[in-house]
């Protein structure tokens, strides 16, 4: 019998067929051919496995490189933000350190009958007036720039813009509320000094940031990261220690119901003003100089009325009899106005909570410089609280960096 005939059943078994026709379609494929085909398939599978492994390795390398790029980019961004914040903080500190220094000179200025120029409401009125003049000048510069851009326009149908285009009814109403609240907070805090003890005054001065947190949450449902809440509480505690443990500080004075009501009113107004200012800046991307103009425009008449009601014409009489005071008051109001301009820039960049944090820490720096300039004593607890305040700020920046890094990496992993 022929070898091909005897191998028919085996070929059928190998090819997996039963009929002769299927066997012919299968062709002359024998066991050797099937083994070669299996080897080829195994080799192809091995190549696919190697390609898949290389692809996974490449993906891991790309993810690692991407993660390093994100970390480097976020680090550069945080460095820029930190340097900008330090610069703005430094300018605000310089302005208000000069303000405090000039104010102490004003208090020591020799006046007849051994009087002191101690009129805080009048000084606030003077600052409102100077701020209004300053913001009018800034808006004038902005309008000149808009006019120049309009002359260089490429589209003939483009309409002329003015600095008052954003002043709609809603913005003006919020500005009116913020201005009134700001003036009431100032007056109530000054008036409360006569009706509460020194420890209560210290608590009020130290807790300015907490009402802003509460007010933002209650009025506009605004929330902050957990590290901001911890930062505010810790720094408030340190500021309380700094103010409470002053050497030779007199802790005399009794609290009255009227004084406590005034203190609560001052804190409530602080918690009301900050979130409203945030809301104003968020609407239509309002320029900070425009907001400063609105606040001073509405606040000036109330401050003027308050100065005449609470302090009368006595400061004007002293200025009439001592014209040398005008130079000191002019320097005082200019430093306050420049400082206020940079404060609203901080308000635009960082919001009311962080701006209040900046101005609160500024008071510690002013006190420290005042200690060196006027030889005021300072206790060990004050030094500890000051160091703790700045360490808390550095810790807050670190946690903010870590939080931002995690968010960016998570967003990049979700993105296709």
Protein backbone atom coordinates (compact mmCIF):
# COMPACT_ATOMS: atom_id res chain seq x y z
CA UNK A 1 0.00 0.00 0.00
CA UNK A 2 1.21 3.48 -0.85
CA UNK A 3 2.53 5.72 1.94
CA UNK A 4 0.17 8.59 1.00
CA UNK A 5 -2.83 6.27 1.14
CA UNK A 6 -1.87 4.89 4.56
CA UNK A 7 -1.39 8.42 5.97
CA UNK A 8 -4.92 9.55 5.02
CA UNK A 9 -6.56 8.93 8.41
CA UNK A 10 -3.68 10.61 10.19
CA UNK A 11 -4.00 13.64 7.98
CA UNK A 12 -7.72 13.77 8.65
CA UNK A 13 -7.03 13.69 12.40
CA UNK A 14 -4.38 16.40 12.15
CA UNK A 15 -6.46 18.67 9.94
CA UNK A 16 -9.54 18.06 12.03
CA UNK A 17 -11.67 16.92 9.03
CA UNK A 18 -13.74 13.81 8.29
CA UNK A 19 -14.51 13.89 4.55
CA UNK A 20 -12.21 13.51 1.56
CA UNK A 21 -13.24 16.94 0.18
CA UNK A 22 -12.29 18.66 3.40
CA UNK A 23 -9.07 16.73 3.31
CA UNK A 24 -8.31 18.09 -0.16
CA UNK A 25 -9.07 21.67 1.02
CA UNK A 26 -6.70 21.15 3.83
CA UNK A 27 -4.11 20.33 1.20
CA UNK A 28 -0.99 18.45 1.78
CA UNK A 29 -0.52 19.78 5.29
CA UNK A 30 1.07 17.19 7.45
CA UNK A 31 2.14 17.06 11.10
CA UNK A 32 5.40 18.80 10.31
CA UNK A 33 3.52 21.68 8.70
CA UNK A 34 1.29 22.00 11.75
CA UNK A 35 4.30 22.09 14.05
CA UNK A 36 5.86 24.86 11.95
CA UNK A 37 2.62 26.82 12.09
CA UNK A 38 2.42 26.44 15.89
CA UNK A 39 6.02 27.59 16.25
CA UNK A 40 5.29 30.63 14.11
CA UNK A 41 2.25 31.48 16.20
CA UNK A 42 4.24 31.09 19.42
CA UNK A 43 6.97 33.34 18.04
CA UNK A 44 4.35 35.97 17.04
CA UNK A 45 2.81 35.80 20.52
CA UNK A 46 6.26 36.25 22.05
CA UNK A 47 6.91 39.28 19.85
CA UNK A 48 3.51 40.77 20.84
CA UNK A 49 4.36 40.19 24.50
CA UNK A 50 7.70 41.95 24.08
CA UNK A 51 6.02 44.87 22.28
CA UNK A 52 3.42 45.11 25.06
CA UNK A 53 6.13 45.11 27.72
CA UNK A 54 8.06 47.81 25.86
CA UNK A 55 4.85 49.83 25.50
CA UNK A 56 4.12 49.56 29.24
CA UNK A 57 7.68 50.54 30.06
CA UNK A 58 7.44 53.52 27.71
CA UNK A 59 4.10 54.56 29.27
CA UNK A 60 5.63 54.39 32.75
CA UNK A 61 8.59 56.50 31.63
CA UNK A 62 6.26 59.05 30.02
CA UNK A 63 4.10 59.17 33.18
CA UNK A 64 7.21 59.63 35.33
CA UNK A 65 8.51 62.38 33.04
CA UNK A 66 5.09 64.01 32.97
CA UNK A 67 4.88 63.87 36.77
CA UNK A 68 8.31 65.49 37.05
CA UNK A 69 7.25 68.21 34.62
CA UNK A 70 4.07 68.86 36.59
CA UNK A 71 6.04 69.06 39.83
CA UNK A 72 8.62 71.38 38.26
CA UNK A 73 5.91 73.59 36.73
CA UNK A 74 3.98 73.78 40.00
CA UNK A 75 7.19 74.52 41.91
CA UNK A 76 8.01 77.43 39.59
CA UNK A 77 4.45 78.72 39.90
CA UNK A 78 4.57 78.52 43.70
CA UNK A 79 7.95 80.26 43.74
CA UNK A 80 6.58 83.09 41.60
CA UNK A 81 3.46 83.42 43.76
CA UNK A 82 5.54 83.38 46.95
CA UNK A 83 7.93 86.07 45.64
CA UNK A 84 4.99 88.21 44.51
CA UNK A 85 3.25 87.81 47.86
CA UNK A 86 6.46 88.72 49.72
CA UNK A 87 6.89 91.80 47.52
CA UNK A 88 3.31 92.98 48.08
CA UNK A 89 3.55 92.20 51.77
CA UNK A 90 6.80 94.16 51.97
CA UNK A 91 5.27 97.20 50.25
CA UNK A 92 2.22 97.10 52.53
CA UNK A 93 4.49 96.76 55.56
CA UNK A 94 6.67 99.69 54.50
CA UNK A 95 3.64 101.92 53.94
CA UNK A 96 1.98 101.14 57.25
CA UNK A 97 5.19 101.09 59.25
CA UNK A 98 5.73 104.64 57.99
CA UNK A 99 2.09 105.34 58.81
CA UNK A 100 2.54 104.12 62.40
CA UNK A 101 5.82 105.97 62.77
CA UNK A 102 4.27 109.24 61.55
CA UNK A 103 1.27 108.64 63.80
CA UNK A 104 3.54 108.32 66.83
CA UNK A 105 5.29 111.53 65.79
CA UNK A 106 1.88 113.15 65.53
CA UNK A 107 0.99 112.00 69.04
CA UNK A 108 4.26 113.46 70.35
CA UNK A 109 3.94 116.74 68.50
CA UNK A 110 4.03 119.62 71.04
CA UNK A 111 0.67 121.37 71.20
CA UNK A 112 -0.43 124.14 73.55
CA UNK A 113 -1.90 123.11 76.91
CA UNK A 114 -0.09 119.74 76.59
CA UNK A 115 -2.78 118.33 74.33
CA UNK A 116 -2.32 115.39 71.99
CA UNK A 117 -3.69 115.09 68.51
CA UNK A 118 -5.68 111.99 69.42
CA UNK A 119 -8.57 111.96 66.92
CA UNK A 120 -8.77 108.53 65.28
CA UNK A 121 -12.12 109.15 63.54
CA UNK A 122 -10.81 112.40 62.04
CA UNK A 123 -7.71 110.56 60.80
CA UNK A 124 -9.96 107.93 59.22
CA UNK A 125 -11.97 110.68 57.54
CA UNK A 126 -8.74 112.24 56.24
CA UNK A 127 -7.61 108.85 54.86
CA UNK A 128 -10.96 108.40 53.11
CA UNK A 129 -10.56 111.82 51.50
CA UNK A 130 -7.00 111.09 50.35
CA UNK A 131 -8.00 107.65 49.07
CA UNK A 132 -10.80 109.18 47.05
CA UNK A 133 -8.45 111.69 45.43
CA UNK A 134 -5.88 108.93 44.76
CA UNK A 135 -8.42 106.60 43.14
CA UNK A 136 -9.78 109.42 40.98
CA UNK A 137 -6.26 110.01 39.70
CA UNK A 138 -5.76 106.27 39.05
CA UNK A 139 -9.06 106.03 37.19
CA UNK A 140 -8.02 109.06 35.14
CA UNK A 141 -4.81 107.27 34.10
CA UNK A 142 -6.82 104.16 33.21
CA UNK A 143 -9.19 106.25 31.08
CA UNK A 144 -6.29 107.85 29.20
CA UNK A 145 -4.97 104.38 28.44
CA UNK A 146 -8.39 103.28 27.17
CA UNK A 147 -8.60 106.36 24.95
CA UNK A 148 -5.17 105.57 23.50
CA UNK A 149 -6.21 101.99 22.76
CA UNK A 150 -9.40 103.26 21.12
CA UNK A 151 -7.43 105.51 18.78
CA UNK A 152 -5.23 102.58 17.78
CA UNK A 153 -8.17 100.24 17.23
CA UNK A 154 -8.25 98.06 14.10
CA UNK A 155 -12.01 97.54 14.03
CA UNK A 156 -13.82 100.81 13.10
CA UNK A 157 -17.06 99.52 14.66
CA UNK A 158 -15.45 99.09 18.09
CA UNK A 159 -17.16 101.21 20.75
CA UNK A 160 -15.33 103.60 23.03
CA UNK A 161 -14.89 102.23 26.57
CA UNK A 162 -14.83 104.12 29.86
CA UNK A 163 -13.79 103.18 33.38
CA UNK A 164 -17.42 103.46 34.47
CA UNK A 165 -18.74 100.77 32.12
CA UNK A 166 -18.60 98.15 34.89
CA UNK A 167 -20.44 100.31 37.41
CA UNK A 168 -23.87 98.73 37.12
CA UNK A 169 -26.54 98.81 39.81
CA UNK A 170 -25.48 95.56 41.40
CA UNK A 171 -21.84 96.61 41.74
CA UNK A 172 -22.81 99.98 43.16
CA UNK A 173 -25.23 98.43 45.64
CA UNK A 174 -22.61 95.96 46.88
CA UNK A 175 -20.08 98.80 47.10
CA UNK A 176 -22.51 100.85 49.16
CA UNK A 177 -23.08 97.94 51.57
CA UNK A 178 -19.33 97.26 51.89
CA UNK A 179 -18.54 100.96 52.48
CA UNK A 180 -21.22 101.37 55.15
CA UNK A 181 -20.16 98.13 56.84
CA UNK A 182 -16.51 99.22 56.79
CA UNK A 183 -17.28 102.59 58.40
CA UNK A 184 -19.55 101.01 61.03
CA UNK A 185 -16.83 98.46 61.89
CA UNK A 186 -14.30 101.28 62.31
CA UNK A 187 -16.58 103.43 64.46
CA UNK A 188 -17.81 100.59 66.66
CA UNK A 189 -14.26 99.34 67.33
CA UNK A 190 -13.12 102.86 68.29
CA UNK A 191 -16.18 103.47 70.46
CA UNK A 192 -15.94 100.08 72.19
CA UNK A 193 -12.55 100.97 73.69
CA UNK A 194 -14.26 103.12 76.34
CA UNK A 195 -16.73 100.42 77.40
CA UNK A 196 -14.73 97.16 77.50
CA UNK A 197 -11.61 96.01 79.29
CA UNK A 198 -8.22 95.66 77.68
CA UNK A 199 -8.35 91.82 77.40
CA UNK A 200 -11.58 92.07 75.40
CA UNK A 201 -10.03 94.69 73.14
CA UNK A 202 -7.09 92.35 72.52
CA UNK A 203 -9.40 89.48 71.58
CA UNK A 204 -11.27 91.73 69.13
CA UNK A 205 -8.06 92.94 67.49
CA UNK A 206 -6.71 89.39 67.19
CA UNK A 207 -9.79 87.69 65.73
CA UNK A 208 -10.32 89.69 62.54
CA UNK A 209 -9.89 86.67 60.23
CA UNK A 210 -12.41 84.36 61.88
CA UNK A 211 -15.51 86.48 61.04
CA UNK A 212 -14.42 86.56 57.38
CA UNK A 213 -14.33 82.76 57.32
CA UNK A 214 -17.78 82.55 58.90
CA UNK A 215 -19.24 85.40 56.83
CA UNK A 216 -18.01 83.96 53.54
CA UNK A 217 -19.52 80.58 54.41
CA UNK A 218 -22.89 81.95 55.57
CA UNK A 219 -23.41 84.66 52.93
CA UNK A 220 -21.86 83.23 49.76
CA UNK A 221 -21.28 79.55 50.72
CA UNK A 222 -17.55 80.02 50.21
CA UNK A 223 -15.27 77.31 51.57
CA UNK A 224 -11.50 77.03 51.97
CA UNK A 225 -9.05 74.11 52.19
CA UNK A 226 -8.59 72.60 55.65
CA UNK A 227 -5.05 73.95 55.97
CA UNK A 228 -6.45 77.51 55.68
CA UNK A 229 -8.83 76.96 58.59
CA UNK A 230 -5.97 75.58 60.71
CA UNK A 231 -3.71 78.47 59.66
CA UNK A 232 -6.30 81.08 60.64
CA UNK A 233 -6.94 79.52 64.06
CA UNK A 234 -3.24 79.07 64.87
CA UNK A 235 -2.24 82.57 63.76
CA UNK A 236 -5.19 84.08 65.64
CA UNK A 237 -3.93 82.33 68.78
CA UNK A 238 -0.38 83.61 68.26
CA UNK A 239 -1.60 87.16 67.64
CA UNK A 240 -3.68 87.00 70.80
CA UNK A 241 -0.58 85.91 72.75
CA UNK A 242 1.47 88.67 71.13
CA UNK A 243 -1.05 91.36 72.10
CA UNK A 244 -1.96 89.97 75.51
CA UNK A 245 1.52 89.45 76.94
CA UNK A 246 2.93 92.90 76.33
CA UNK A 247 5.31 94.03 79.07
CA UNK A 248 3.78 96.54 81.47
CA UNK A 249 0.42 96.21 79.75
CA UNK A 250 -2.50 97.39 81.83
CA UNK A 251 -5.25 94.80 81.97
CA UNK A 252 -7.66 97.13 83.73
CA UNK A 253 -11.20 97.95 82.70
CA UNK A 254 -14.55 96.26 83.06
CA UNK A 255 -16.76 94.95 80.31
CA UNK A 256 -20.19 96.47 79.86
CA UNK A 257 -23.10 95.11 77.87
CA UNK A 258 -22.99 98.11 75.53
CA UNK A 259 -19.27 97.63 74.94
CA UNK A 260 -19.66 93.94 74.15
CA UNK A 261 -22.47 94.76 71.70
CA UNK A 262 -20.17 97.24 69.96
CA UNK A 263 -17.40 94.62 69.77
CA UNK A 264 -19.75 92.05 68.27
CA UNK A 265 -20.99 94.68 65.81
CA UNK A 266 -17.41 95.40 64.74
CA UNK A 267 -16.65 91.70 64.19
CA UNK A 268 -19.94 91.15 62.35
CA UNK A 269 -19.20 94.06 60.02
CA UNK A 270 -15.72 92.67 59.33
CA UNK A 271 -17.29 89.32 58.46
CA UNK A 272 -19.78 91.10 56.20
CA UNK A 273 -17.37 93.47 54.41
CA UNK A 274 -14.75 90.94 53.29
CA UNK A 275 -17.08 88.52 51.47
CA UNK A 276 -18.89 91.42 49.79
CA UNK A 277 -15.59 92.77 48.48
CA UNK A 278 -14.74 89.30 47.16
CA UNK A 279 -18.11 89.18 45.43
CA UNK A 280 -17.59 92.60 43.84
CA UNK A 281 -14.22 91.59 42.40
CA UNK A 282 -15.66 88.33 41.09
CA UNK A 283 -18.49 90.06 39.20
CA UNK A 284 -17.44 91.18 35.70
CA UNK A 285 -13.77 90.91 36.70
CA UNK A 286 -13.91 94.33 38.39
CA UNK A 287 -10.61 96.19 38.48
CA UNK A 288 -9.28 96.71 42.04
CA UNK A 289 -8.89 100.47 41.49
CA UNK A 290 -12.54 100.68 40.45
CA UNK A 291 -13.59 98.88 43.62
CA UNK A 292 -11.40 101.16 45.74
CA UNK A 293 -13.07 104.18 44.15
CA UNK A 294 -16.56 102.81 44.91
CA UNK A 295 -15.70 102.03 48.54
CA UNK A 296 -14.22 105.47 49.17
CA UNK A 297 -16.92 107.26 47.19
CA UNK A 298 -19.64 105.83 49.44
CA UNK A 299 -17.53 105.71 52.59
CA UNK A 300 -16.31 109.31 52.51
CA UNK A 301 -19.65 111.01 53.44
CA UNK A 302 -20.23 108.58 56.32
CA UNK A 303 -16.68 109.08 57.62
CA UNK A 304 -17.06 112.87 57.38
CA UNK A 305 -20.36 112.77 59.27
CA UNK A 306 -18.85 110.48 61.91
CA UNK A 307 -15.84 112.79 62.39
CA UNK A 308 -18.09 115.79 63.06
CA UNK A 309 -20.50 113.83 65.26
CA UNK A 310 -17.94 112.10 67.48
CA UNK A 311 -15.03 114.58 67.52
CA UNK A 312 -16.58 117.88 66.44
CA UNK A 313 -14.51 120.76 65.19
CA UNK A 314 -11.68 120.43 67.72
CA UNK A 315 -9.21 118.77 65.29
CA UNK A 316 -9.85 121.56 62.76
CA UNK A 317 -9.22 124.17 65.46
CA UNK A 318 -5.93 122.51 66.39
CA UNK A 319 -4.88 122.47 62.75
CA UNK A 320 -5.75 126.14 62.45
CA UNK A 321 -3.61 127.01 65.49
CA UNK A 322 -0.78 124.62 64.53
CA UNK A 323 -0.31 124.74 60.74
CA UNK A 324 2.86 122.62 61.08
CA UNK A 325 0.59 119.63 61.66
CA UNK A 326 -0.59 119.73 58.05
CA UNK A 327 2.77 118.41 56.80
CA UNK A 328 2.61 115.44 59.16
CA UNK A 329 -1.03 114.74 58.25
CA UNK A 330 -0.21 114.94 54.54
CA UNK A 331 2.57 112.35 54.90
CA UNK A 332 0.27 110.22 57.04
CA UNK A 333 -2.55 110.24 54.50
CA UNK A 334 -0.21 109.61 51.53
CA UNK A 335 1.35 106.53 53.15
CA UNK A 336 -2.13 105.23 54.02
CA UNK A 337 -3.37 105.77 50.46
CA UNK A 338 -0.43 104.01 48.84
CA UNK A 339 -0.82 101.15 51.29
CA UNK A 340 -4.54 100.96 50.51
CA UNK A 341 -3.84 100.71 46.78
CA UNK A 342 -1.62 97.68 47.30
CA UNK A 343 -4.11 96.17 49.74
CA UNK A 344 -6.84 96.15 47.06
CA UNK A 345 -4.33 94.57 44.66
CA UNK A 346 -3.84 91.83 47.27
CA UNK A 347 -7.61 91.63 47.60
CA UNK A 348 -7.92 90.99 43.88
CA UNK A 349 -5.16 88.37 43.85
CA UNK A 350 -5.75 86.53 47.12
CA UNK A 351 -9.23 87.38 48.39
CA UNK A 352 -10.37 89.01 51.63
CA UNK A 353 -9.21 86.21 53.97
CA UNK A 354 -5.58 86.20 52.84
CA UNK A 355 -5.51 89.99 52.59
CA UNK A 356 -6.71 90.22 56.19
CA UNK A 357 -3.98 87.73 57.05
CA UNK A 358 -1.42 90.00 55.39
CA UNK A 359 -2.66 93.14 57.17
CA UNK A 360 -2.84 91.31 60.51
CA UNK A 361 0.73 90.07 60.26
CA UNK A 362 1.71 93.53 59.10
CA UNK A 363 0.66 94.81 62.53
CA UNK A 364 3.11 92.42 64.18
CA UNK A 365 5.93 93.61 61.92
CA UNK A 366 4.96 97.24 62.63
CA UNK A 367 5.02 96.54 66.36
CA UNK A 368 8.44 94.91 66.03
CA UNK A 369 9.89 97.89 64.18
CA UNK A 370 8.24 100.25 66.63
CA UNK A 371 9.99 98.36 69.43
CA UNK A 372 13.37 99.07 67.85
CA UNK A 373 12.63 102.65 66.83
CA UNK A 374 10.97 103.79 70.06
CA UNK A 375 12.67 101.32 72.45
CA UNK A 376 9.49 99.59 73.61
CA UNK A 377 10.08 96.39 75.62
CA UNK A 378 9.08 92.95 74.28
CA UNK A 379 8.47 89.75 76.27
CA UNK A 380 9.72 86.23 75.53
CA UNK A 381 6.18 85.04 74.75
CA UNK A 382 5.87 87.80 72.17
CA UNK A 383 9.03 86.61 70.44
CA UNK A 384 7.74 83.02 70.49
CA UNK A 385 4.35 84.05 69.09
CA UNK A 386 5.98 86.05 66.30
CA UNK A 387 8.21 83.12 65.32
CA UNK A 388 5.21 80.78 65.48
CA UNK A 389 3.22 83.08 63.19
CA UNK A 390 5.80 83.02 60.41
CA UNK A 391 6.46 79.28 60.82
CA UNK A 392 2.72 78.70 60.41
CA UNK A 393 2.74 80.73 57.21
CA UNK A 394 5.61 78.69 55.78
CA UNK A 395 3.81 75.46 56.75
CA UNK A 396 0.68 76.73 55.03
CA UNK A 397 2.63 77.39 51.81
CA UNK A 398 4.06 73.86 51.94
CA UNK A 399 0.64 72.24 52.35
CA UNK A 400 -0.75 74.44 49.59
CA UNK A 401 2.03 73.25 47.29
CA UNK A 402 1.35 69.59 48.11
CA UNK A 403 -2.39 70.07 47.62
CA UNK A 404 -1.89 71.76 44.25
CA UNK A 405 0.56 69.05 43.14
CA UNK A 406 -1.94 66.27 43.92
CA UNK A 407 -4.73 68.08 42.08
CA UNK A 408 -2.60 68.60 38.96
CA UNK A 409 -1.40 65.01 38.90
CA UNK A 410 -4.96 63.71 39.35
CA UNK A 411 -6.21 65.96 36.54
CA UNK A 412 -3.44 64.76 34.25
CA UNK A 413 -4.23 61.11 34.96
CA UNK A 414 -7.91 61.67 34.13
CA UNK A 415 -7.13 63.60 30.94
CA UNK A 416 -6.87 61.42 27.76
